[in-house]
PDB file of N, CA and C in Angstrom:
ATOM      1  N   MET A   1     -14.077  -4.425  -5.228  1.00  0.00           N
ATOM      2  CA  MET A   1     -12.835  -4.311  -4.523  1.00  0.00           C
ATOM      3  C   MET A   1     -13.028  -4.831  -3.105  1.00  0.00           C
ATOM      4  N   HIS A   2     -12.105  -5.668  -2.662  1.00  0.00           N
ATOM      5  CA  HIS A   2     -12.204  -6.288  -1.350  1.00  0.00           C
ATOM      6  C   HIS A   2     -11.077  -5.786  -0.459  1.00  0.00           C
ATOM      7  N   ILE A   3     -11.411  -5.550   0.803  1.00  0.00           N
ATOM      8  CA  ILE A   3     -10.421  -5.195   1.810  1.00  0.00           C
ATOM      9  C   ILE A   3     -10.457  -6.289   2.864  1.00  0.00           C
ATOM     10  N   HIS A   4      -9.349  -7.033   2.987  1.00  0.00           N
ATOM     11  CA  HIS A   4      -9.230  -8.117   3.951  1.00  0.00           C
ATOM     12  C   HIS A   4      -8.327  -7.667   5.083  1.00  0.00           C
ATOM     13  N   VAL A   5      -8.767  -7.864   6.322  1.00  0.00           N
ATOM     14  CA  VAL A   5      -7.975  -7.489   7.491  1.00  0.00           C
ATOM     15  C   VAL A   5      -7.695  -8.752   8.298  1.00  0.00           C
ATOM     16  N   ASN A   6      -6.406  -9.040   8.509  1.00  0.00           N
ATOM     17  CA  ASN A   6      -5.979 -10.189   9.293  1.00  0.00           C
ATOM     18  C   ASN A   6      -5.072  -9.715  10.417  1.00  0.00           C
ATOM     19  N   GLY A   7      -4.955 -10.530  11.452  1.00  0.00           N
ATOM     20  CA  GLY A   7      -4.111 -10.168  12.575  1.00  0.00           C
ATOM     21  C   GLY A   7      -3.176 -11.286  12.982  1.00  0.00           C
ATOM     22  N   ARG A   8      -1.996 -10.908  13.436  1.00  0.00           N
ATOM     23  CA  ARG A   8      -1.022 -11.847  13.994  1.00  0.00           C
ATOM     24  C   ARG A   8      -0.696 -11.370  15.397  1.00  0.00           C
ATOM     25  N   ASN A   9      -0.886 -12.231  16.374  1.00  0.00           N
ATOM     26  CA  ASN A   9      -0.650 -11.906  17.786  1.00  0.00           C
ATOM     27  C   ASN A   9      -1.512 -10.748  18.269  1.00  0.00           C
ATOM     28  N   ILE A  10      -2.651 -10.539  17.652  1.00  0.00           N
ATOM     29  CA  ILE A  10      -3.554  -9.457  18.043  1.00  0.00           C
ATOM     30  C   ILE A  10      -4.981  -9.876  17.710  1.00  0.00           C
ATOM     31  N   GLU A  11      -5.901  -9.470  18.561  1.00  0.00           N
ATOM     32  CA  GLU A  11      -7.329  -9.681  18.316  1.00  0.00           C
ATOM     33  C   GLU A  11      -7.840  -8.485  17.521  1.00  0.00           C
ATOM     34  N   ILE A  12      -8.358  -8.732  16.333  1.00  0.00           N
ATOM     35  CA  ILE A  12      -8.862  -7.654  15.491  1.00  0.00           C
ATOM     36  C   ILE A  12     -10.269  -7.297  15.962  1.00  0.00           C
ATOM     37  N   THR A  13     -10.411  -6.116  16.532  1.00  0.00           N
ATOM     38  CA  THR A  13     -11.720  -5.663  16.997  1.00  0.00           C
ATOM     39  C   THR A  13     -12.486  -5.023  15.854  1.00  0.00           C
ATOM     40  N   ASP A  14     -13.769  -4.798  16.065  1.00  0.00           N
ATOM     41  CA  ASP A  14     -14.585  -4.148  15.044  1.00  0.00           C
ATOM     42  C   ASP A  14     -14.128  -2.713  14.804  1.00  0.00           C
ATOM     43  N   ALA A  15     -13.659  -2.041  15.859  1.00  0.00           N
ATOM     44  CA  ALA A  15     -13.200  -0.661  15.718  1.00  0.00           C
ATOM     45  C   ALA A  15     -11.952  -0.584  14.841  1.00  0.00           C
ATOM     46  N   ILE A  16     -11.005  -1.497  15.047  1.00  0.00           N
ATOM     47  CA  ILE A  16      -9.790  -1.497  14.229  1.00  0.00           C
ATOM     48  C   ILE A  16     -10.129  -1.853  12.789  1.00  0.00           C
ATOM     49  N   LYS A  17     -11.005  -2.834  12.605  1.00  0.00           N
ATOM     50  CA  LYS A  17     -11.401  -3.235  11.257  1.00  0.00           C
ATOM     51  C   LYS A  17     -12.090  -2.089  10.515  1.00  0.00           C
ATOM     52  N   ALA A  18     -12.972  -1.372  11.209  1.00  0.00           N
ATOM     53  CA  ALA A  18     -13.660  -0.237  10.590  1.00  0.00           C
ATOM     54  C   ALA A  18     -12.672   0.881  10.247  1.00  0.00           C
ATOM     55  N   TYR A  19     -11.697   1.110  11.123  1.00  0.00           N
ATOM     56  CA  TYR A  19     -10.696   2.154  10.888  1.00  0.00           C
ATOM     57  C   TYR A  19      -9.840   1.814   9.664  1.00  0.00           C
ATOM     58  N   VAL A  20      -9.439   0.550   9.544  1.00  0.00           N
ATOM     59  CA  VAL A  20      -8.643   0.123   8.395  1.00  0.00           C
ATOM     60  C   VAL A  20      -9.451   0.261   7.112  1.00  0.00           C
ATOM     61  N   LYS A  21     -10.699  -0.159   7.147  1.00  0.00           N
ATOM     62  CA  LYS A  21     -11.532  -0.078   5.944  1.00  0.00           C
ATOM     63  C   LYS A  21     -11.796   1.364   5.539  1.00  0.00           C
ATOM     64  N   GLU A  22     -11.921   2.264   6.513  1.00  0.00           N
ATOM     65  CA  GLU A  22     -12.111   3.678   6.208  1.00  0.00           C
ATOM     66  C   GLU A  22     -10.872   4.256   5.532  1.00  0.00           C
ATOM     67  N   LYS A  23      -9.699   3.988   6.118  1.00  0.00           N
ATOM     68  CA  LYS A  23      -8.449   4.522   5.568  1.00  0.00           C
ATOM     69  C   LYS A  23      -8.116   3.906   4.211  1.00  0.00           C
ATOM     70  N   ALA A  24      -8.244   2.596   4.094  1.00  0.00           N
ATOM     71  CA  ALA A  24      -7.933   1.922   2.831  1.00  0.00           C
ATOM     72  C   ALA A  24      -8.971   2.258   1.765  1.00  0.00           C
ATOM     73  N   GLY A  25     -10.198   2.520   2.171  1.00  0.00           N
ATOM     74  CA  GLY A  25     -11.237   2.916   1.223  1.00  0.00           C
ATOM     75  C   GLY A  25     -10.939   4.243   0.565  1.00  0.00           C
ATOM     76  N   LYS A  26     -10.297   5.155   1.314  1.00  0.00           N
ATOM     77  CA  LYS A  26      -9.903   6.434   0.730  1.00  0.00           C
ATOM     78  C   LYS A  26      -8.847   6.224  -0.344  1.00  0.00           C
ATOM     79  N   VAL A  27      -7.920   5.314  -0.093  1.00  0.00           N
ATOM     80  CA  VAL A  27      -6.886   5.008  -1.080  1.00  0.00           C
ATOM     81  C   VAL A  27      -7.519   4.374  -2.312  1.00  0.00           C
ATOM     82  N   ALA A  28      -8.466   3.471  -2.106  1.00  0.00           N
ATOM     83  CA  ALA A  28      -9.127   2.800  -3.222  1.00  0.00           C
ATOM     84  C   ALA A  28      -9.960   3.771  -4.054  1.00  0.00           C
ATOM     85  N   GLY A  29     -10.402   4.859  -3.455  1.00  0.00           N
ATOM     86  CA  GLY A  29     -11.165   5.852  -4.190  1.00  0.00           C
ATOM     87  C   GLY A  29     -10.349   6.608  -5.221  1.00  0.00           C
ATOM     88  N   HIS A  30      -9.031   6.615  -5.054  1.00  0.00           N
ATOM     89  CA  HIS A  30      -8.167   7.333  -5.990  1.00  0.00           C
ATOM     90  C   HIS A  30      -8.005   6.594  -7.319  1.00  0.00           C
ATOM     91  N   TYR A  31      -8.103   5.280  -7.271  1.00  0.00           N
ATOM     92  CA  TYR A  31      -7.810   4.493  -8.467  1.00  0.00           C
ATOM     93  C   TYR A  31      -8.784   3.332  -8.532  1.00  0.00           C
ATOM     94  N   GLU A  32      -9.614   3.306  -9.556  1.00  0.00           N
ATOM     95  CA  GLU A  32     -10.695   2.330  -9.626  1.00  0.00           C
ATOM     96  C   GLU A  32     -10.256   0.944 -10.094  1.00  0.00           C
ATOM     97  N   LEU A  33      -9.022   0.778 -10.526  1.00  0.00           N
ATOM     98  CA  LEU A  33      -8.564  -0.524 -10.997  1.00  0.00           C
ATOM     99  C   LEU A  33      -7.977  -1.408  -9.898  1.00  0.00           C
ATOM    100  N   ILE A  34      -8.090  -0.995  -8.639  1.00  0.00           N
ATOM    101  CA  ILE A  34      -7.583  -1.799  -7.532  1.00  0.00           C
ATOM    102  C   ILE A  34      -8.489  -3.011  -7.352  1.00  0.00           C
ATOM    103  N   ASP A  35      -7.892  -4.212  -7.407  1.00  0.00           N
ATOM    104  CA  ASP A  35      -8.657  -5.451  -7.253  1.00  0.00           C
ATOM    105  C   ASP A  35      -8.929  -5.763  -5.792  1.00  0.00           C
ATOM    106  N   SER A  36      -7.874  -5.773  -4.974  1.00  0.00           N
ATOM    107  CA  SER A  36      -8.047  -6.090  -3.562  1.00  0.00           C
ATOM    108  C   SER A  36      -6.932  -5.466  -2.739  1.00  0.00           C
ATOM    109  N   ILE A  37      -7.233  -5.271  -1.464  1.00  0.00           N
ATOM    110  CA  ILE A  37      -6.259  -4.764  -0.509  1.00  0.00           C
ATOM    111  C   ILE A  37      -6.257  -5.731   0.667  1.00  0.00           C
ATOM    112  N   ASP A  38      -5.087  -6.319   0.940  1.00  0.00           N
ATOM    113  CA  ASP A  38      -4.922  -7.239   2.059  1.00  0.00           C
ATOM    114  C   ASP A  38      -4.102  -6.546   3.137  1.00  0.00           C
ATOM    115  N   VAL A  39      -4.665  -6.441   4.340  1.00  0.00           N
ATOM    116  CA  VAL A  39      -3.997  -5.767   5.453  1.00  0.00           C
ATOM    117  C   VAL A  39      -3.685  -6.803   6.521  1.00  0.00           C
ATOM    118  N   ILE A  40      -2.423  -6.830   6.961  1.00  0.00           N
ATOM    119  CA  ILE A  40      -2.002  -7.730   8.031  1.00  0.00           C
ATOM    120  C   ILE A  40      -1.476  -6.871   9.174  1.00  0.00           C
ATOM    121  N   LEU A  41      -2.140  -6.965  10.318  1.00  0.00           N
ATOM    122  CA  LEU A  41      -1.742  -6.222  11.504  1.00  0.00           C
ATOM    123  C   LEU A  41      -1.090  -7.191  12.477  1.00  0.00           C
ATOM    124  N   SER A  42       0.076  -6.811  12.996  1.00  0.00           N
ATOM    125  CA  SER A  42       0.762  -7.701  13.924  1.00  0.00           C
ATOM    126  C   SER A  42       1.402  -6.909  15.055  1.00  0.00           C
ATOM    127  N   VAL A  43       1.640  -7.614  16.156  1.00  0.00           N
ATOM    128  CA  VAL A  43       2.238  -7.008  17.344  1.00  0.00           C
ATOM    129  C   VAL A  43       3.413  -7.868  17.779  1.00  0.00           C
ATOM    130  N   ILE A  44       4.538  -7.209  18.068  1.00  0.00           N
ATOM    131  CA  ILE A  44       5.696  -7.894  18.636  1.00  0.00           C
ATOM    132  C   ILE A  44       5.580  -7.749  20.143  1.00  0.00           C
ATOM    133  N   LYS A  45       5.535  -8.860  20.837  1.00  0.00           N
ATOM    134  CA  LYS A  45       5.275  -8.825  22.276  1.00  0.00           C
ATOM    135  C   LYS A  45       6.556  -8.790  23.114  1.00  0.00           C
ATOM    136  N   ASN A  46       7.608  -8.235  22.574  1.00  0.00           N
ATOM    137  CA  ASN A  46       8.857  -8.070  23.297  1.00  0.00           C
ATOM    138  C   ASN A  46       8.902  -6.647  23.852  1.00  0.00           C
ATOM    139  N   PRO A  47       9.017  -6.465  25.170  1.00  0.00           N
ATOM    140  CA  PRO A  47       8.976  -5.113  25.742  1.00  0.00           C
ATOM    141  C   PRO A  47      10.166  -4.240  25.367  1.00  0.00           C
ATOM    142  N   SER A  48      11.262  -4.819  24.891  1.00  0.00           N
ATOM    143  CA  SER A  48      12.407  -4.003  24.519  1.00  0.00           C
ATOM    144  C   SER A  48      12.277  -3.383  23.133  1.00  0.00           C
ATOM    145  N   VAL A  49      11.287  -3.792  22.354  1.00  0.00           N
ATOM    146  CA  VAL A  49      11.064  -3.245  21.020  1.00  0.00           C
ATOM    147  C   VAL A  49      10.174  -2.018  21.151  1.00  0.00           C
ATOM    148  N   SER A  50      10.655  -0.873  20.637  1.00  0.00           N
ATOM    149  CA  SER A  50       9.881   0.361  20.794  1.00  0.00           C
ATOM    150  C   SER A  50       8.713   0.440  19.808  1.00  0.00           C
ATOM    151  N   ASP A  51       8.962   0.160  18.533  1.00  0.00           N
ATOM    152  CA  ASP A  51       7.892   0.189  17.534  1.00  0.00           C
ATOM    153  C   ASP A  51       7.366  -1.235  17.351  1.00  0.00           C
ATOM    154  N   SER A  52       6.446  -1.618  18.227  1.00  0.00           N
ATOM    155  CA  SER A  52       6.021  -3.009  18.269  1.00  0.00           C
ATOM    156  C   SER A  52       4.770  -3.307  17.448  1.00  0.00           C
ATOM    157  N   HIS A  53       4.087  -2.290  16.939  1.00  0.00           N
ATOM    158  CA  HIS A  53       2.872  -2.512  16.148  1.00  0.00           C
ATOM    159  C   HIS A  53       3.218  -2.347  14.665  1.00  0.00           C
ATOM    160  N   ILE A  54       2.932  -3.389  13.898  1.00  0.00           N
ATOM    161  CA  ILE A  54       3.310  -3.416  12.481  1.00  0.00           C
ATOM    162  C   ILE A  54       2.051  -3.557  11.629  1.00  0.00           C
ATOM    163  N   ALA A  55       1.990  -2.756  10.564  1.00  0.00           N
ATOM    164  CA  ALA A  55       0.903  -2.855   9.596  1.00  0.00           C
ATOM    165  C   ALA A  55       1.519  -3.107   8.222  1.00  0.00           C
ATOM    166  N   GLU A  56       1.075  -4.174   7.571  1.00  0.00           N
ATOM    167  CA  GLU A  56       1.536  -4.521   6.227  1.00  0.00           C
ATOM    168  C   GLU A  56       0.337  -4.485   5.294  1.00  0.00           C
ATOM    169  N   VAL A  57       0.544  -3.977   4.078  1.00  0.00           N
ATOM    170  CA  VAL A  57      -0.537  -3.917   3.097  1.00  0.00           C
ATOM    171  C   VAL A  57      -0.034  -4.451   1.766  1.00  0.00           C
ATOM    172  N   ASN A  58      -0.798  -5.355   1.176  1.00  0.00           N
ATOM    173  CA  ASN A  58      -0.559  -5.838  -0.181  1.00  0.00           C
ATOM    174  C   ASN A  58      -1.741  -5.396  -1.024  1.00  0.00           C
ATOM    175  N   CYS A  59      -1.471  -4.570  -2.018  1.00  0.00           N
ATOM    176  CA  CYS A  59      -2.520  -4.023  -2.876  1.00  0.00           C
ATOM    177  C   CYS A  59      -2.334  -4.576  -4.281  1.00  0.00           C
ATOM    178  N   LYS A  60      -3.368  -5.205  -4.821  1.00  0.00           N
ATOM    179  CA  LYS A  60      -3.291  -5.799  -6.147  1.00  0.00           C
ATOM    180  C   LYS A  60      -4.002  -4.900  -7.151  1.00  0.00           C
ATOM    181  N   ILE A  61      -3.230  -4.447  -8.135  1.00  0.00           N
ATOM    182  CA  ILE A  61      -3.748  -3.591  -9.198  1.00  0.00           C
ATOM    183  C   ILE A  61      -3.466  -4.292 -10.510  1.00  0.00           C
ATOM    184  N   GLY A  62      -4.507  -4.777 -11.159  1.00  0.00           N
ATOM    185  CA  GLY A  62      -4.306  -5.517 -12.406  1.00  0.00           C
ATOM    186  C   GLY A  62      -3.437  -6.733 -12.143  1.00  0.00           C
ATOM    187  N   GLY A  63      -2.289  -6.794 -12.776  1.00  0.00           N
ATOM    188  CA  GLY A  63      -1.361  -7.889 -12.563  1.00  0.00           C
ATOM    189  C   GLY A  63      -0.225  -7.517 -11.628  1.00  0.00           C
ATOM    190  N   GLU A  64      -0.206  -6.296 -11.147  1.00  0.00           N
ATOM    191  CA  GLU A  64       0.862  -5.801 -10.289  1.00  0.00           C
ATOM    192  C   GLU A  64       0.475  -5.897  -8.822  1.00  0.00           C
ATOM    193  N   THR A  65       1.475  -5.924  -7.944  1.00  0.00           N
ATOM    194  CA  THR A  65       1.253  -5.923  -6.507  1.00  0.00           C
ATOM    195  C   THR A  65       2.109  -4.839  -5.875  1.00  0.00           C
ATOM    196  N   ILE A  66       1.484  -4.017  -5.058  1.00  0.00           N
ATOM    197  CA  ILE A  66       2.196  -2.997  -4.298  1.00  0.00           C
ATOM    198  C   ILE A  66       2.189  -3.446  -2.845  1.00  0.00           C
ATOM    199  N   ARG A  67       3.382  -3.492  -2.225  1.00  0.00           N
ATOM    200  CA  ARG A  67       3.493  -3.918  -0.834  1.00  0.00           C
ATOM    201  C   ARG A  67       4.156  -2.819  -0.037  1.00  0.00           C
ATOM    202  N   VAL A  68       3.522  -2.435   1.075  1.00  0.00           N
ATOM    203  CA  VAL A  68       4.083  -1.434   1.977  1.00  0.00           C
ATOM    204  C   VAL A  68       3.976  -1.946   3.408  1.00  0.00           C
ATOM    205  N   GLU A  69       4.890  -1.471   4.259  1.00  0.00           N
ATOM    206  CA  GLU A  69       4.925  -1.883   5.660  1.00  0.00           C
ATOM    207  C   GLU A  69       5.376  -0.705   6.506  1.00  0.00           C
ATOM    208  N   GLU A  70       4.761  -0.546   7.668  1.00  0.00           N
ATOM    209  CA  GLU A  70       5.134   0.515   8.610  1.00  0.00           C
ATOM    210  C   GLU A  70       5.067  -0.008  10.029  1.00  0.00           C
ATOM    211  N   LYS A  71       5.910   0.569  10.890  1.00  0.00           N
ATOM    212  CA  LYS A  71       5.934   0.230  12.313  1.00  0.00           C
ATOM    213  C   LYS A  71       5.724   1.498  13.119  1.00  0.00           C
ATOM    214  N   ALA A  72       5.017   1.364  14.250  1.00  0.00           N
ATOM    215  CA  ALA A  72       4.779   2.510  15.132  1.00  0.00           C
ATOM    216  C   ALA A  72       4.542   2.001  16.547  1.00  0.00           C
ATOM    217  N   GLU A  73       4.367   2.952  17.474  1.00  0.00           N
ATOM    218  CA  GLU A  73       4.170   2.581  18.874  1.00  0.00           C
ATOM    219  C   GLU A  73       2.762   2.110  19.169  1.00  0.00           C
ATOM    220  N   ASN A  74       1.767   2.558  18.384  1.00  0.00           N
ATOM    221  CA  ASN A  74       0.416   2.018  18.556  1.00  0.00           C
ATOM    222  C   ASN A  74      -0.170   1.650  17.196  1.00  0.00           C
ATOM    223  N   MET A  75      -1.213   0.859  17.211  1.00  0.00           N
ATOM    224  CA  MET A  75      -1.751   0.305  15.979  1.00  0.00           C
ATOM    225  C   MET A  75      -2.365   1.362  15.073  1.00  0.00           C
ATOM    226  N   TYR A  76      -3.057   2.330  15.650  1.00  0.00           N
ATOM    227  CA  TYR A  76      -3.701   3.357  14.829  1.00  0.00           C
ATOM    228  C   TYR A  76      -2.665   4.206  14.097  1.00  0.00           C
ATOM    229  N   ALA A  77      -1.546   4.498  14.751  1.00  0.00           N
ATOM    230  CA  ALA A  77      -0.482   5.267  14.100  1.00  0.00           C
ATOM    231  C   ALA A  77       0.138   4.471  12.958  1.00  0.00           C
ATOM    232  N   SER A  78       0.350   3.180  13.161  1.00  0.00           N
ATOM    233  CA  SER A  78       0.923   2.372  12.085  1.00  0.00           C
ATOM    234  C   SER A  78      -0.040   2.249  10.901  1.00  0.00           C
ATOM    235  N   ILE A  79      -1.332   2.184  11.179  1.00  0.00           N
ATOM    236  CA  ILE A  79      -2.328   2.144  10.095  1.00  0.00           C
ATOM    237  C   ILE A  79      -2.309   3.455   9.321  1.00  0.00           C
ATOM    238  N   ASP A  80      -2.235   4.585  10.022  1.00  0.00           N
ATOM    239  CA  ASP A  80      -2.161   5.876   9.349  1.00  0.00           C
ATOM    240  C   ASP A  80      -0.932   5.965   8.449  1.00  0.00           C
ATOM    241  N   LEU A  81       0.215   5.572   8.986  1.00  0.00           N
ATOM    242  CA  LEU A  81       1.464   5.658   8.226  1.00  0.00           C
ATOM    243  C   LEU A  81       1.445   4.759   6.999  1.00  0.00           C
ATOM    244  N   VAL A  82       0.945   3.540   7.155  1.00  0.00           N
ATOM    245  CA  VAL A  82       0.949   2.608   6.028  1.00  0.00           C
ATOM    246  C   VAL A  82      -0.051   3.050   4.953  1.00  0.00           C
ATOM    247  N   CYS A  83      -1.168   3.616   5.339  1.00  0.00           N
ATOM    248  CA  CYS A  83      -2.134   4.080   4.342  1.00  0.00           C
ATOM    249  C   CYS A  83      -1.619   5.308   3.592  1.00  0.00           C
ATOM    250  N   ASP A  84      -0.889   6.187   4.280  1.00  0.00           N
ATOM    251  CA  ASP A  84      -0.273   7.328   3.598  1.00  0.00           C
ATOM    252  C   ASP A  84       0.768   6.856   2.586  1.00  0.00           C
ATOM    253  N   LYS A  85       1.573   5.887   2.984  1.00  0.00           N
ATOM    254  CA  LYS A  85       2.592   5.342   2.088  1.00  0.00           C
ATOM    255  C   LYS A  85       1.947   4.640   0.900  1.00  0.00           C
ATOM    256  N   LEU A  86       0.881   3.885   1.152  1.00  0.00           N
ATOM    257  CA  LEU A  86       0.173   3.192   0.074  1.00  0.00           C
ATOM    258  C   LEU A  86      -0.428   4.196  -0.907  1.00  0.00           C
ATOM    259  N   GLU A  87      -0.982   5.274  -0.380  1.00  0.00           N
ATOM    260  CA  GLU A  87      -1.571   6.290  -1.253  1.00  0.00           C
ATOM    261  C   GLU A  87      -0.521   6.891  -2.186  1.00  0.00           C
ATOM    262  N   ARG A  88       0.670   7.166  -1.666  1.00  0.00           N
ATOM    263  CA  ARG A  88       1.743   7.696  -2.508  1.00  0.00           C
ATOM    264  C   ARG A  88       2.150   6.686  -3.583  1.00  0.00           C
ATOM    265  N   GLN A  89       2.251   5.414  -3.220  1.00  0.00           N
ATOM    266  CA  GLN A  89       2.645   4.392  -4.179  1.00  0.00           C
ATOM    267  C   GLN A  89       1.583   4.189  -5.266  1.00  0.00           C
ATOM    268  N   VAL A  90       0.303   4.205  -4.874  1.00  0.00           N
ATOM    269  CA  VAL A  90      -0.770   4.040  -5.859  1.00  0.00           C
ATOM    270  C   VAL A  90      -0.804   5.237  -6.797  1.00  0.00           C
ATOM    271  N   ARG A  91      -0.619   6.446  -6.268  1.00  0.00           N
ATOM    272  CA  ARG A  91      -0.596   7.647  -7.102  1.00  0.00           C
ATOM    273  C   ARG A  91       0.566   7.566  -8.104  1.00  0.00           C
ATOM    274  N   LYS A  92       1.729   7.115  -7.644  1.00  0.00           N
ATOM    275  CA  LYS A  92       2.900   6.961  -8.509  1.00  0.00           C
ATOM    276  C   LYS A  92       2.626   5.931  -9.602  1.00  0.00           C
ATOM    277  N   PHE A  93       2.014   4.807  -9.229  1.00  0.00           N
ATOM    278  CA  PHE A  93       1.675   3.760 -10.189  1.00  0.00           C
ATOM    279  C   PHE A  93       0.684   4.281 -11.225  1.00  0.00           C
ATOM    280  N   LYS A  94      -0.302   5.028 -10.769  1.00  0.00           N
ATOM    281  CA  LYS A  94      -1.333   5.565 -11.659  1.00  0.00           C
ATOM    282  C   LYS A  94      -0.737   6.568 -12.638  1.00  0.00           C
ATOM    283  N   GLU A  95       0.108   7.476 -12.141  1.00  0.00           N
ATOM    284  CA  GLU A  95       0.717   8.480 -13.010  1.00  0.00           C
ATOM    285  C   GLU A  95       1.655   7.845 -14.027  1.00  0.00           C
ATOM    286  N   LYS A  96       2.360   6.802 -13.626  1.00  0.00           N
ATOM    287  CA  LYS A  96       3.256   6.108 -14.549  1.00  0.00           C
ATOM    288  C   LYS A  96       2.451   5.457 -15.664  1.00  0.00           C
ATOM    289  N   GLY A  97       1.319   4.852 -15.314  1.00  0.00           N
ATOM    290  CA  GLY A  97       0.475   4.223 -16.319  1.00  0.00           C
ATOM    291  C   GLY A  97      -0.173   5.231 -17.246  1.00  0.00           C
ATOM    292  N   LEU A  98      -0.566   6.384 -16.707  1.00  0.00           N
ATOM    293  CA  LEU A  98      -1.192   7.413 -17.534  1.00  0.00           C
ATOM    294  C   LEU A  98      -0.194   8.056 -18.486  1.00  0.00           C
ATOM    295  N   SER A  99       1.043   8.257 -18.038  1.00  0.00           N
ATOM    296  CA  SER A  99       2.030   8.876 -18.916  1.00  0.00           C
ATOM    297  C   SER A  99       2.370   7.956 -20.086  1.00  0.00           C
ATOM    298  N   LYS A 100       2.401   6.631 -19.859  1.00  0.00           N
ATOM    299  CA  LYS A 100       2.663   5.698 -20.948  1.00  0.00           C
ATOM    300  C   LYS A 100       1.475   5.645 -21.902  1.00  0.00           C
ATOM    301  N   ALA A 101       0.252   5.729 -21.360  1.00  0.00           N
ATOM    302  CA  ALA A 101      -0.950   5.660 -22.192  1.00  0.00           C
ATOM    303  C   ALA A 101      -1.066   6.888 -23.089  1.00  0.00           C
ATOM    304  N   LYS A 102      -0.586   8.036 -22.616  1.00  0.00           N
ATOM    305  CA  LYS A 102      -0.667   9.271 -23.398  1.00  0.00           C
ATOM    306  C   LYS A 102       0.497   9.405 -24.375  1.00  0.00           C
ATOM    307  N   GLY A 103       1.383   8.436 -24.384  1.00  0.00           N
ATOM    308  CA  GLY A 103       2.527   8.504 -25.290  1.00  0.00           C
ATOM    309  C   GLY A 103       3.614   9.404 -24.737  1.00  0.00           C
ATOM    310  N   GLY A 104       3.705   9.484 -23.445  1.00  0.00           N
ATOM    311  CA  GLY A 104       4.701  10.324 -22.794  1.00  0.00           C
ATOM    312  C   GLY A 104       6.096   9.760 -22.922  1.00  0.00           C
ATOM    313  N   VAL A 105       6.994  10.354 -22.230  1.00  0.00           N
ATOM    314  CA  VAL A 105       8.387   9.952 -22.274  1.00  0.00           C
ATOM    315  C   VAL A 105       8.545   8.605 -21.585  1.00  0.00           C
ATOM    316  N   GLU A 106       9.221   7.693 -22.275  1.00  0.00           N
ATOM    317  CA  GLU A 106       9.473   6.387 -21.683  1.00  0.00           C
ATOM    318  C   GLU A 106      10.716   6.457 -20.811  1.00  0.00           C
ATOM    319  N   SER A 107      10.920   5.436 -20.069  1.00  0.00           N
ATOM    320  CA  SER A 107      12.082   5.346 -19.204  1.00  0.00           C
ATOM    321  C   SER A 107      13.346   5.209 -20.046  1.00  0.00           C
ATOM    322  N   ILE A 108      14.445   5.678 -19.520  1.00  0.00           N
ATOM    323  CA  ILE A 108      15.732   5.564 -20.202  1.00  0.00           C
ATOM    324  C   ILE A 108      16.103   4.096 -20.373  1.00  0.00           C
ATOM    325  N   ARG A 109      15.708   3.285 -19.415  1.00  0.00           N
ATOM    326  CA  ARG A 109      16.055   1.870 -19.464  1.00  0.00           C
ATOM    327  C   ARG A 109      15.371   1.139 -20.621  1.00  0.00           C
ATOM    328  N   THR A 110      14.197   1.602 -21.023  1.00  0.00           N
ATOM    329  CA  THR A 110      13.464   0.898 -22.078  1.00  0.00           C
ATOM    330  C   THR A 110      13.591   1.568 -23.422  1.00  0.00           C
ATOM    331  N   THR A 111      14.152   2.763 -23.479  1.00  0.00           N
ATOM    332  CA  THR A 111      14.284   3.491 -24.745  1.00  0.00           C
ATOM    333  C   THR A 111      15.541   3.026 -25.468  1.00  0.00           C
ATOM    334  N   GLN A 112      15.387   2.719 -26.752  1.00  0.00           N
ATOM    335  CA  GLN A 112      16.538   2.336 -27.560  1.00  0.00           C
ATOM    336  C   GLN A 112      16.957   3.518 -28.383  1.00  0.00           C
ATOM    337  N   THR A 113      18.245   3.747 -28.427  1.00  0.00           N
ATOM    338  CA  THR A 113      18.775   4.854 -29.215  1.00  0.00           C
ATOM    339  C   THR A 113      19.682   4.314 -30.292  1.00  0.00           C
ATOM    340  N   GLU A 114      19.745   5.058 -31.388  1.00  0.00           N
ATOM    341  CA  GLU A 114      20.616   4.680 -32.490  1.00  0.00           C
ATOM    342  C   GLU A 114      21.871   5.532 -32.443  1.00  0.00           C
ATOM    343  N   VAL A 115      22.978   4.900 -32.692  1.00  0.00           N
ATOM    344  CA  VAL A 115      24.248   5.606 -32.690  1.00  0.00           C
ATOM    345  C   VAL A 115      24.786   5.581 -34.101  1.00  0.00           C
ATOM    346  N   GLU A 116      25.112   6.776 -34.647  1.00  0.00           N
ATOM    347  CA  GLU A 116      25.672   6.870 -35.996  1.00  0.00           C
ATOM    348  C   GLU A 116      27.186   6.775 -35.911  1.00  0.00           C
ATOM    349  N   VAL A 117      27.744   6.009 -36.823  1.00  0.00           N
ATOM    350  CA  VAL A 117      29.202   5.845 -36.833  1.00  0.00           C
ATOM    351  C   VAL A 117      29.776   6.464 -38.061  1.00  0.00           C
TER     352      VAL A 117
END
């Protein structure tokens, strides 16, 4: 599993990179089928924007992609928020896959019903 950290309008320091890898590594520990996690950190340099630090994450699981984005006043807060959101999405994806594998209830959209006339 690979964790890639990129920056837009920001210099990615070793401390930020280590913090992202620590947080994203916890998410990757929940589900072993994660192929890669791509993190893009960016800053809006307009002083009138209050939440100017943005963290985007693209997580590839098998053939699926989970994308989450969060904004905050500082970079560490946005990383925390995006990793929490990613963890919820990965848990949801994992539970959905496990319920189908166990023969659980399918979605209403995919279930076909017969109507007697």
